[in-house]
Structures are given as structure tokens and as C-alpha cells.
Amino acid sequence: MKGRTIRRHFRESFKSLGRNGWMTFASISAVTVTLLLVGVFSIIMMNLNKVATDLENDVEIRVYIDIIADTEEAKLAEDQLIDEIHNLPDVAEVVYSSKEQELDKLIKDFGDELSLYEQNNPLHNVLYVKAVNPHETANVAKAIDKFDNTYEVKYGEGKVEKLFNAIKMGRNVGLVLILGLLFTAMFLISNTIRITIVARRDEIEIMKLVGATNSFVRIPFVLEGMWLGILGSLIPMIVVSIGYYNIYQLLLPRLKGQMLQILPTTPLLYQVNILIIGIGILIGVWGSFMSVRKFLRV
């Protein structure tokens, strides 16, 4: 394709935007509204996915070690148990907590009254174990429970399985909603662009009658669809970026030190903005291409 022809296509696509002002405005408005919904919902789902991942990673196994009177024998038994747990293929981390540390945690949570037990501490030394894959927590716990020198193994049996099922369901529902929103956006925008092209069917038929090829007719419309997608994505990108930045700054001090955190603005906003403009261009080009195709048969 010659440079003059390419310049002509770009020039015609820009002229068409101004020549069909109201239809251009309607198309850009449809793109803007739908992409704004896509952007907002994407940010919500990405943050919910982070919260779900944090909850999964926070699941741990508590291994209470048998109390052995002989100090030297107890130390050997603990070291052996730690080595056996470390050797399990699905174990990511093992943290030792002495009974004194466990008592300090209880005193911090429930008050100084429990300090009476400092001289005669009835608690066990504890190992906190995390699995490489949180969904393997139950299997890891069962394997640890078979080792010697374990008094009790706890991991929230029953509750953990319910948590994982709820997280899985939430992710699936979110995925379905996002896909549904994207298909709805494609349908609405392509229909809007189709109306624009229908209003110009005489122009397309005249071009065909004077010998224009299908690609010669199609390219300006496809480029016009691309401009509509880009222009329609600008407002959603600005609104989403400013809105999420302010929300993040508002929540950041309140969530400091909390277990659950939201995603930082970088690289989240870059990712969402690329998604928005990418979808805008894709929908604009696809809508124009599919809509003009039916008028290329004269």
C-alpha cells in the first residue's frame, strides 16, 4: 500500500469523525460508559483477588510438641520433628515458638492476669507450618500428625475447606461477571458503530460502484473505529486513575498494620489503563470491521 493511500485513509477517518458529529458523540459515549464499568469492575475484582490470595497464604498449621521432662531429650526430639517437617515436599516454612513466647502472646491478647502462669507454664512449644500451596494444608497437616513427638496438630479443619471453596466460588463469579460485561460492551459498542455505518451506506455503495476495492473502503472505517475506541477510553482512564489514587491514599493509613491490604496504585493503574485502551481499540476495530462488511457486496 502506497504512502499516499495510507495518508488518505488516515485523513478520511479523521474527517469522518467530524462529518458525523452526533453519531461520533454517541459512539464515544457508549465506549466511555462501558469502559468505565469495565475499569471499575476490574479494579474491584483485582483487589478482591488479592484479599483472597492473602487469606489463602495466611492459612497455617499449628503443631503442638509433646512435653518431655528431660531438657536435652526434649531438644533432640524437637530438632528431629523440625527436620522431618522440613523434609516434606509441600512445606514452605516452619517457625518455632517456645511456650514462653506463646504465653507472652496470650498475656498481650487477654491481659496481665495470665502472667501468674509464668512460673509454671502449662503451654506447649509450637511449630507454625505453612504449605507451599495453601490448598495442600490439610494433606500436610495429616502427614505431620503421623510423626512422633507431636501432641496435637491444628489447622482449622472444616473452616479452611469452607474458606477455600468460598474463595474459589468468588473468583469464578467474578470471572463470569467480567466476561459478561466485556461481551455486553462489545455488543453495545458494535451496534452503535453499526448504526453509524448504516447511515453512510450510500457513501459505501458509491465508492464500490466507481471501482474501490473492499480494503480501500474498509480501512478508513476500521481506523475510525480505532479512534472511537481510543477517544472513548480517555475519560475512563482518567476517572479510574484519579478515583483509585484518592481511595488508596484515604485507606492506606487506616489499613496500616492490618492483615488485609489493597493493591498499590503502581503497577495496578498501568495494568488497568492498558486493559481499558486495549479493549477500546479492539472493540472499535472489531465493531467497524464487522459492521462495514455487509455493505461491501453491491
Protein backbone atom coordinates (compact mmCIF):
# COMPACT_ATOMS: atom_id res chain seq x y z
CA MET A 1 0.00 0.00 0.00
CA LYS A 2 1.46 3.38 -1.06
CA GLY A 3 2.22 6.14 1.41
CA ARG A 4 -0.27 8.46 -0.30
CA THR A 5 -3.04 5.89 0.09
CA ILE A 6 -2.21 5.37 3.77
CA ARG A 7 -2.29 9.13 4.39
CA ARG A 8 -5.60 9.31 2.56
CA HIS A 9 -7.09 6.61 4.79
CA PHE A 10 -5.98 8.40 7.96
CA ARG A 11 -7.22 11.75 6.63
CA GLU A 12 -10.62 10.32 5.70
CA SER A 13 -11.02 8.60 9.07
CA PHE A 14 -10.41 11.92 10.88
CA LYS A 15 -12.76 13.82 8.53
CA SER A 16 -15.46 11.23 9.09
CA LEU A 17 -15.34 11.79 12.84
CA GLY A 18 -16.13 15.47 12.37
CA ARG A 19 -18.55 14.99 9.48
CA ASN A 20 -20.75 12.63 11.53
CA GLY A 21 -20.62 14.62 14.74
CA TRP A 22 -23.68 13.31 16.58
CA MET A 23 -23.06 9.67 15.67
CA THR A 24 -19.41 10.09 16.68
CA PHE A 25 -20.54 11.53 20.01
CA ALA A 26 -22.98 8.63 20.51
CA SER A 27 -20.29 6.06 19.74
CA ILE A 28 -17.71 7.68 22.04
CA SER A 29 -20.33 7.94 24.81
CA ALA A 30 -21.16 4.24 24.51
CA VAL A 31 -17.46 3.36 24.61
CA THR A 32 -16.87 5.66 27.58
CA VAL A 33 -19.70 4.29 29.73
CA THR A 34 -18.94 0.64 29.08
CA LEU A 35 -15.16 1.01 29.51
CA LEU A 36 -15.70 2.94 32.74
CA LEU A 37 -17.70 0.00 34.06
CA VAL A 38 -15.02 -2.42 32.85
CA GLY A 39 -12.28 -0.38 34.54
CA VAL A 40 -14.08 0.00 37.88
CA PHE A 41 -15.12 -3.64 38.00
CA SER A 42 -11.62 -4.82 37.03
CA ILE A 43 -10.07 -2.86 39.90
CA ILE A 44 -12.64 -4.28 42.34
CA MET A 45 -12.04 -7.85 41.18
CA MET A 46 -8.23 -7.49 41.22
CA ASN A 47 -8.37 -6.23 44.81
CA LEU A 48 -10.78 -8.98 45.83
CA ASN A 49 -8.40 -11.50 44.26
CA LYS A 50 -5.52 -10.03 46.31
CA VAL A 51 -7.57 -10.28 49.51
CA ALA A 52 -8.43 -13.90 48.66
CA THR A 53 -4.76 -14.69 47.99
CA ASP A 54 -3.73 -13.06 51.28
CA LEU A 55 -6.32 -15.13 53.14
CA GLU A 56 -5.06 -18.30 51.48
CA ASN A 57 -1.44 -17.51 52.31
CA ASP A 58 -2.35 -16.75 55.93
CA VAL A 59 -3.57 -20.30 56.49
CA GLU A 60 -1.09 -22.16 58.68
CA ILE A 61 -0.73 -25.35 60.70
CA ARG A 62 -0.04 -25.28 64.44
CA VAL A 63 1.95 -28.27 65.66
CA TYR A 64 1.98 -28.64 69.45
CA ILE A 65 5.11 -30.52 70.54
CA ASP A 66 4.98 -33.22 73.22
CA ILE A 67 6.16 -32.07 76.63
CA ILE A 68 9.27 -34.03 77.66
CA ALA A 69 10.70 -33.58 81.18
CA ASP A 70 14.33 -34.14 80.20
CA THR A 71 15.55 -30.87 78.64
CA GLU A 72 18.26 -32.44 76.47
CA GLU A 73 15.93 -35.18 75.23
CA ALA A 74 13.22 -32.59 74.52
CA LYS A 75 15.64 -30.53 72.43
CA LEU A 76 16.66 -33.56 70.37
CA ALA A 77 13.02 -34.54 69.84
CA GLU A 78 12.11 -31.01 68.69
CA ASP A 79 15.06 -30.85 66.28
CA GLN A 80 14.12 -34.23 64.84
CA LEU A 81 10.49 -33.15 64.37
CA ILE A 82 11.52 -29.89 62.69
CA ASP A 83 13.81 -31.75 60.29
CA GLU A 84 11.06 -34.24 59.43
CA ILE A 85 8.60 -31.42 58.70
CA HIS A 86 11.16 -29.51 56.63
CA ASN A 87 11.73 -32.63 54.54
CA LEU A 88 8.08 -32.79 53.48
CA PRO A 89 7.91 -31.66 49.82
CA ASP A 90 4.86 -29.40 50.29
CA VAL A 91 6.20 -27.43 53.27
CA ALA A 92 7.25 -23.82 52.60
CA GLU A 93 8.02 -22.54 56.09
CA VAL A 94 8.46 -23.76 59.67
CA VAL A 95 8.61 -21.25 62.55
CA TYR A 96 9.41 -22.33 66.11
CA SER A 97 7.66 -20.65 69.04
CA SER A 98 8.59 -21.56 72.61
CA LYS A 99 5.97 -21.95 75.32
CA GLU A 100 7.26 -18.70 76.86
CA GLN A 101 6.58 -16.88 73.61
CA GLU A 102 3.14 -18.47 73.41
CA LEU A 103 2.34 -17.28 76.94
CA ASP A 104 3.52 -13.76 76.07
CA LYS A 105 1.06 -13.74 73.15
CA LEU A 106 -1.79 -14.78 75.46
CA ILE A 107 -0.86 -12.11 78.03
CA LYS A 108 -0.79 -9.49 75.27
CA ASP A 109 -4.22 -10.59 73.97
CA PHE A 110 -6.06 -11.36 77.21
CA GLY A 111 -4.34 -9.31 79.91
CA ASP A 112 -1.76 -9.47 82.69
CA GLU A 113 -3.83 -11.89 84.76
CA LEU A 114 -2.24 -14.73 82.80
CA SER A 115 1.23 -13.65 83.95
CA LEU A 116 0.56 -15.78 87.05
CA TYR A 117 1.43 -18.80 84.88
CA GLU A 118 4.94 -17.56 84.06
CA GLN A 119 6.50 -19.63 86.88
CA ASN A 120 4.56 -22.78 85.97
CA ASN A 121 3.84 -22.51 82.26
CA PRO A 122 1.39 -25.25 81.14
CA LEU A 123 1.68 -24.47 77.41
CA HIS A 124 3.46 -26.44 74.69
CA ASN A 125 6.23 -25.37 72.37
CA VAL A 126 4.63 -24.81 68.96
CA LEU A 127 5.69 -25.07 65.33
CA TYR A 128 3.88 -22.84 62.82
CA VAL A 129 3.93 -24.51 59.41
CA LYS A 130 2.87 -23.11 56.03
CA ALA A 131 2.36 -25.18 52.90
CA VAL A 132 3.78 -24.24 49.50
CA ASN A 133 0.26 -24.50 48.11
CA PRO A 134 -2.33 -23.37 50.71
CA HIS A 135 -4.80 -25.86 49.26
CA GLU A 136 -2.47 -28.67 50.39
CA THR A 137 -2.66 -27.56 54.04
CA ALA A 138 -4.94 -30.42 55.08
CA ASN A 139 -2.68 -33.07 53.49
CA VAL A 140 0.44 -31.55 55.08
CA ALA A 141 -1.28 -31.50 58.49
CA LYS A 142 -2.22 -35.16 58.19
CA ALA A 143 1.37 -36.07 57.27
CA ILE A 144 2.76 -34.14 60.27
CA ASP A 145 0.26 -35.73 62.62
CA LYS A 146 1.87 -39.13 61.92
CA PHE A 147 5.27 -38.02 63.21
CA ASP A 148 6.49 -38.80 66.72
CA ASN A 149 6.62 -36.08 69.38
CA THR A 150 3.51 -34.28 68.10
CA TYR A 151 0.95 -33.66 70.83
CA GLU A 152 -1.70 -32.07 68.59
CA VAL A 153 -1.94 -30.71 65.04
CA LYS A 154 -4.43 -27.96 64.25
CA TYR A 155 -5.15 -26.11 61.02
CA GLY A 156 -8.81 -25.11 61.27
CA GLU A 157 -10.18 -28.34 59.84
CA GLY A 158 -13.54 -27.75 58.20
CA LYS A 159 -13.22 -23.95 58.26
CA VAL A 160 -10.22 -23.95 55.92
CA GLU A 161 -12.03 -26.08 53.35
CA LYS A 162 -15.06 -23.76 53.50
CA LEU A 163 -12.78 -20.73 53.09
CA PHE A 164 -11.10 -22.19 50.01
CA ASN A 165 -14.48 -23.13 48.48
CA ALA A 166 -15.82 -19.62 49.09
CA ILE A 167 -12.71 -18.05 47.53
CA LYS A 168 -12.95 -20.33 44.50
CA MET A 169 -16.62 -19.52 44.03
CA GLY A 170 -15.94 -15.78 44.38
CA ARG A 171 -13.20 -15.91 41.75
CA ASN A 172 -15.40 -17.87 39.34
CA VAL A 173 -18.33 -15.49 39.81
CA GLY A 174 -16.00 -12.50 39.28
CA LEU A 175 -14.60 -14.03 36.09
CA VAL A 176 -18.08 -14.69 34.71
CA LEU A 177 -19.19 -11.13 35.54
CA ILE A 178 -16.14 -9.58 33.86
CA LEU A 179 -16.59 -11.71 30.73
CA GLY A 180 -20.30 -10.86 30.67
CA LEU A 181 -19.51 -7.17 30.99
CA LEU A 182 -16.95 -7.35 28.18
CA PHE A 183 -19.37 -9.12 25.83
CA THR A 184 -22.08 -6.60 26.71
CA ALA A 185 -19.67 -3.77 25.98
CA MET A 186 -18.72 -5.30 22.63
CA PHE A 187 -22.40 -5.75 21.70
CA LEU A 188 -23.42 -2.20 22.64
CA ILE A 189 -20.45 -0.51 21.01
CA SER A 190 -20.55 -2.59 17.82
CA ASN A 191 -24.27 -1.82 17.45
CA THR A 192 -23.60 1.89 17.90
CA ILE A 193 -20.87 1.80 15.27
CA ARG A 194 -23.12 -0.26 13.00
CA ILE A 195 -25.78 2.47 13.17
CA THR A 196 -23.11 4.99 12.21
CA ILE A 197 -22.11 2.94 9.17
CA VAL A 198 -25.71 2.20 8.14
CA ALA A 199 -26.27 5.96 7.97
CA ARG A 200 -23.41 6.10 5.44
CA ARG A 201 -24.35 3.11 3.30
CA ASP A 202 -24.89 5.31 0.23
CA GLU A 203 -21.31 6.57 0.53
CA ILE A 204 -20.03 2.97 0.69
CA GLU A 205 -22.14 1.89 -2.33
CA ILE A 206 -20.92 4.82 -4.46
CA MET A 207 -17.30 4.02 -3.63
CA LYS A 208 -17.88 0.40 -4.65
CA LEU A 209 -19.61 1.40 -7.90
CA VAL A 210 -16.65 3.55 -9.00
CA GLY A 211 -14.30 0.61 -8.53
CA ALA A 212 -12.97 0.91 -4.98
CA THR A 213 -11.69 -2.37 -3.54
CA ASN A 214 -13.08 -3.83 -0.34
CA SER A 215 -9.92 -2.99 1.61
CA PHE A 216 -9.91 0.60 0.25
CA VAL A 217 -13.45 1.07 1.55
CA ARG A 218 -12.96 -0.80 4.79
CA ILE A 219 -9.71 0.68 6.13
CA PRO A 220 -10.99 4.25 6.82
CA PHE A 221 -13.94 2.80 8.75
CA VAL A 222 -11.67 0.47 10.73
CA LEU A 223 -9.37 3.40 11.53
CA GLU A 224 -12.40 5.45 12.55
CA GLY A 225 -13.44 2.64 14.89
CA MET A 226 -9.94 2.66 16.38
CA TRP A 227 -10.13 6.44 17.01
CA LEU A 228 -13.56 5.98 18.62
CA GLY A 229 -12.11 3.32 20.91
CA ILE A 230 -9.13 5.49 21.88
CA LEU A 231 -11.22 8.64 22.46
CA GLY A 232 -13.80 6.66 24.41
CA SER A 233 -11.12 5.20 26.68
CA LEU A 234 -9.62 8.55 27.75
CA ILE A 235 -12.29 9.55 30.29
CA PRO A 236 -12.47 6.08 31.90
CA MET A 237 -8.67 6.03 32.25
CA ILE A 238 -8.65 9.48 33.91
CA VAL A 239 -11.62 8.76 36.20
CA VAL A 240 -10.34 5.33 37.26
CA SER A 241 -6.79 6.62 37.89
CA ILE A 242 -7.81 9.68 39.92
CA GLY A 243 -10.56 7.81 41.77
CA TYR A 244 -8.43 4.85 42.80
CA TYR A 245 -5.46 7.05 43.73
CA ASN A 246 -7.63 9.08 46.14
CA ILE A 247 -9.26 5.95 47.59
CA TYR A 248 -5.84 4.36 48.10
CA GLN A 249 -4.50 7.47 49.86
CA LEU A 250 -7.59 7.53 52.07
CA LEU A 251 -7.43 3.87 53.06
CA LEU A 252 -3.65 3.48 53.32
CA PRO A 253 -3.26 4.88 56.88
CA ARG A 254 -6.35 3.00 58.07
CA LEU A 255 -5.10 -0.34 56.76
CA LYS A 256 -1.56 0.10 58.06
CA GLY A 257 -0.60 -2.94 60.12
CA GLN A 258 -3.79 -4.80 59.15
CA MET A 259 -3.74 -8.30 57.68
CA LEU A 260 -5.78 -7.32 54.63
CA GLN A 261 -4.32 -4.78 52.22
CA ILE A 262 -5.42 -3.31 48.89
CA LEU A 263 -3.23 -3.22 45.79
CA PRO A 264 -0.87 -0.23 45.45
CA THR A 265 -1.54 2.24 42.65
CA THR A 266 1.60 1.10 40.81
CA PRO A 267 1.54 -1.11 38.74
CA LEU A 268 -2.24 -1.61 39.13
CA LEU A 269 -3.31 1.60 37.36
CA TYR A 270 -0.86 0.97 34.49
CA GLN A 271 -2.31 -2.50 34.02
CA VAL A 272 -5.93 -1.33 34.18
CA ASN A 273 -5.32 1.60 31.81
CA ILE A 274 -3.62 -0.67 29.28
CA LEU A 275 -6.61 -3.01 29.60
CA ILE A 276 -9.09 -0.15 29.07
CA ILE A 277 -7.41 1.33 25.99
CA GLY A 278 -6.70 -2.13 24.58
CA ILE A 279 -10.34 -3.16 24.89
CA GLY A 280 -11.43 0.21 23.46
CA ILE A 281 -9.28 -0.23 20.35
CA LEU A 282 -10.25 -3.89 19.96
CA ILE A 283 -13.97 -3.21 20.25
CA GLY A 284 -13.81 -0.17 17.94
CA VAL A 285 -11.87 -2.00 15.22
CA TRP A 286 -13.92 -5.18 15.54
CA GLY A 287 -17.23 -3.31 15.53
CA SER A 288 -16.29 -1.29 12.45
CA PHE A 289 -14.90 -4.29 10.59
CA MET A 290 -17.96 -6.46 11.21
CA SER A 291 -20.43 -3.65 10.50
CA VAL A 292 -18.95 -2.47 7.20
CA ARG A 293 -18.57 -5.99 5.85
CA LYS A 294 -22.25 -6.41 4.98
CA PHE A 295 -22.19 -3.27 2.79
CA LEU A 296 -19.25 -4.39 0.68
CA ARG A 297 -21.45 -6.50 -1.59
CA VAL A 298 -23.00 -4.27 -4.25
